[in-house]
Amino acid sequence: MRLDYMDKLMEKVTRLAADAAVEKYKEEMMKDEKLTCNSASRKIGVSKATIIRYITNGKKVGGRTVRLKATRTGRDYIISRLDLEEFKGRLGIK
């Protein structure tokens, strides 16, 4: 009886650790993935001009201005997918 309980506990702990490792891996992969303004606008469902406005001016959310993090490269911006996902979360976009 006690051995069965310990087996179930170890299985649950192992499953939680594996899920946490998968989430961390996904986060690292999103951090490395870079998007242009066009591809970021398609992912959010807004125009390229709106993405540039989110980068330069930000968006008011709950009385605070939230900006999309990006790096300028020539005439365009490069956006990390992780930053885009965090921004979508702040805006409440699924």
C-alpha atoms as a PDB file:
ATOM      1  CA  MET A   1       0.000   0.000   0.000  1.00  0.00           C
ATOM      2  CA  ARG A   2       2.712   2.470   0.965  1.00  0.00           C
ATOM      3  CA  LEU A   3       4.784   1.551  -2.074  1.00  0.00           C
ATOM      4  CA  ASP A   4       1.823   2.254  -4.362  1.00  0.00           C
ATOM      5  CA  TYR A   5       1.415   5.730  -2.820  1.00  0.00           C
ATOM      6  CA  MET A   6       5.119   6.502  -3.301  1.00  0.00           C
ATOM      7  CA  ASP A   7       4.998   5.320  -6.914  1.00  0.00           C
ATOM      8  CA  LYS A   8       2.074   7.620  -7.649  1.00  0.00           C
ATOM      9  CA  LEU A   9       3.808  10.525  -5.911  1.00  0.00           C
ATOM     10  CA  MET A  10       7.022  10.009  -7.892  1.00  0.00           C
ATOM     11  CA  GLU A  11       5.055   9.758 -11.131  1.00  0.00           C
ATOM     12  CA  LYS A  12       3.275  13.035 -10.372  1.00  0.00           C
ATOM     13  CA  VAL A  13       6.532  14.822  -9.479  1.00  0.00           C
ATOM     14  CA  THR A  14       8.198  13.529 -12.638  1.00  0.00           C
ATOM     15  CA  ARG A  15       5.289  14.678 -14.784  1.00  0.00           C
ATOM     16  CA  LEU A  16       5.355  18.182 -13.219  1.00  0.00           C
ATOM     17  CA  ALA A  17       9.115  18.474 -13.744  1.00  0.00           C
ATOM     18  CA  ALA A  18       8.784  17.361 -17.374  1.00  0.00           C
ATOM     19  CA  ASP A  19       5.998  19.887 -18.023  1.00  0.00           C
ATOM     20  CA  ALA A  20       8.106  22.665 -16.495  1.00  0.00           C
ATOM     21  CA  ALA A  21      11.077  21.684 -18.662  1.00  0.00           C
ATOM     22  CA  VAL A  22       8.934  21.723 -21.809  1.00  0.00           C
ATOM     23  CA  GLU A  23       7.579  25.197 -20.971  1.00  0.00           C
ATOM     24  CA  LYS A  24      11.113  26.503 -20.344  1.00  0.00           C
ATOM     25  CA  TYR A  25      12.261  25.046 -23.666  1.00  0.00           C
ATOM     26  CA  LYS A  26       9.353  26.696 -25.523  1.00  0.00           C
ATOM     27  CA  GLU A  27      10.167  30.009 -23.858  1.00  0.00           C
ATOM     28  CA  GLU A  28      13.811  29.765 -24.918  1.00  0.00           C
ATOM     29  CA  MET A  29      12.832  28.919 -28.493  1.00  0.00           C
ATOM     30  CA  MET A  30      10.431  31.889 -28.641  1.00  0.00           C
ATOM     31  CA  LYS A  31      13.172  34.164 -27.319  1.00  0.00           C
ATOM     32  CA  ASP A  32      15.451  33.104 -30.180  1.00  0.00           C
ATOM     33  CA  GLU A  33      12.763  33.453 -32.880  1.00  0.00           C
ATOM     34  CA  LYS A  34      12.807  36.899 -34.466  1.00  0.00           C
ATOM     35  CA  LEU A  35       9.879  38.410 -36.368  1.00  0.00           C
ATOM     36  CA  THR A  36       9.561  41.334 -38.755  1.00  0.00           C
ATOM     37  CA  CYS A  37       6.789  43.895 -38.393  1.00  0.00           C
ATOM     38  CA  ASN A  38       4.781  42.199 -41.149  1.00  0.00           C
ATOM     39  CA  SER A  39       4.884  38.765 -39.558  1.00  0.00           C
ATOM     40  CA  ALA A  40       4.190  40.209 -36.085  1.00  0.00           C
ATOM     41  CA  SER A  41       1.187  42.107 -37.439  1.00  0.00           C
ATOM     42  CA  ARG A  42      -0.209  38.887 -38.932  1.00  0.00           C
ATOM     43  CA  LYS A  43       0.204  37.063 -35.611  1.00  0.00           C
ATOM     44  CA  ILE A  44      -1.691  39.757 -33.679  1.00  0.00           C
ATOM     45  CA  GLY A  45      -4.183  40.550 -36.447  1.00  0.00           C
ATOM     46  CA  VAL A  46      -3.418  44.254 -36.883  1.00  0.00           C
ATOM     47  CA  SER A  47      -1.716  46.291 -39.590  1.00  0.00           C
ATOM     48  CA  LYS A  48       2.021  46.962 -39.856  1.00  0.00           C
ATOM     49  CA  ALA A  49       1.411  50.623 -39.032  1.00  0.00           C
ATOM     50  CA  THR A  50      -0.300  49.597 -35.783  1.00  0.00           C
ATOM     51  CA  ILE A  51       2.680  47.423 -34.816  1.00  0.00           C
ATOM     52  CA  ILE A  52       5.034  50.345 -35.431  1.00  0.00           C
ATOM     53  CA  ARG A  53       2.748  52.562 -33.349  1.00  0.00           C
ATOM     54  CA  TYR A  54       2.830  49.986 -30.521  1.00  0.00           C
ATOM     55  CA  ILE A  55       6.650  50.069 -30.697  1.00  0.00           C
ATOM     56  CA  THR A  56       7.076  53.845 -30.822  1.00  0.00           C
ATOM     57  CA  ASN A  57       4.127  55.195 -28.805  1.00  0.00           C
ATOM     58  CA  GLY A  58       2.805  52.174 -26.961  1.00  0.00           C
ATOM     59  CA  LYS A  59      -0.783  51.336 -26.068  1.00  0.00           C
ATOM     60  CA  LYS A  60      -2.725  52.517 -23.034  1.00  0.00           C
ATOM     61  CA  VAL A  61      -3.838  49.578 -20.906  1.00  0.00           C
ATOM     62  CA  GLY A  62      -5.499  50.319 -17.593  1.00  0.00           C
ATOM     63  CA  GLY A  63      -4.066  53.826 -17.360  1.00  0.00           C
ATOM     64  CA  ARG A  64      -0.519  52.691 -18.142  1.00  0.00           C
ATOM     65  CA  THR A  65       1.298  52.862 -21.459  1.00  0.00           C
ATOM     66  CA  VAL A  66       2.648  49.482 -22.568  1.00  0.00           C
ATOM     67  CA  ARG A  67       5.235  49.378 -25.373  1.00  0.00           C
ATOM     68  CA  LEU A  68       6.209  46.509 -27.607  1.00  0.00           C
ATOM     69  CA  LYS A  69       9.949  45.805 -27.331  1.00  0.00           C
ATOM     70  CA  ALA A  70      11.763  45.798 -30.666  1.00  0.00           C
ATOM     71  CA  THR A  71      15.155  46.463 -32.239  1.00  0.00           C
ATOM     72  CA  ARG A  72      15.490  48.844 -35.163  1.00  0.00           C
ATOM     73  CA  THR A  73      17.279  47.441 -38.212  1.00  0.00           C
ATOM     74  CA  GLY A  74      17.394  49.924 -41.037  1.00  0.00           C
ATOM     75  CA  ARG A  75      13.815  50.848 -41.944  1.00  0.00           C
ATOM     76  CA  ASP A  76      12.198  47.925 -40.169  1.00  0.00           C
ATOM     77  CA  TYR A  77      12.046  46.530 -36.652  1.00  0.00           C
ATOM     78  CA  ILE A  78      12.908  43.053 -35.400  1.00  0.00           C
ATOM     79  CA  ILE A  79      10.652  41.716 -32.642  1.00  0.00           C
ATOM     80  CA  SER A  80      11.341  38.717 -30.424  1.00  0.00           C
ATOM     81  CA  ARG A  81       8.449  36.258 -30.441  1.00  0.00           C
ATOM     82  CA  LEU A  82       8.616  36.043 -26.640  1.00  0.00           C
ATOM     83  CA  ASP A  83       8.215  39.836 -26.385  1.00  0.00           C
ATOM     84  CA  LEU A  84       5.279  39.688 -28.798  1.00  0.00           C
ATOM     85  CA  GLU A  85       3.578  36.968 -26.736  1.00  0.00           C
ATOM     86  CA  GLU A  86       4.078  38.973 -23.524  1.00  0.00           C
ATOM     87  CA  PHE A  87       2.662  42.073 -25.237  1.00  0.00           C
ATOM     88  CA  LYS A  88      -0.356  40.112 -26.441  1.00  0.00           C
ATOM     89  CA  GLY A  89      -0.916  38.920 -22.890  1.00  0.00           C
ATOM     90  CA  ARG A  90      -0.864  42.463 -21.545  1.00  0.00           C
ATOM     91  CA  LEU A  91      -3.377  43.535 -24.191  1.00  0.00           C
ATOM     92  CA  GLY A  92      -5.595  40.538 -23.522  1.00  0.00           C
ATOM     93  CA  ILE A  93      -5.312  39.173 -27.077  1.00  0.00           C
ATOM     94  CA  LYS A  94      -5.442  35.380 -27.401  1.00  0.00           C
END
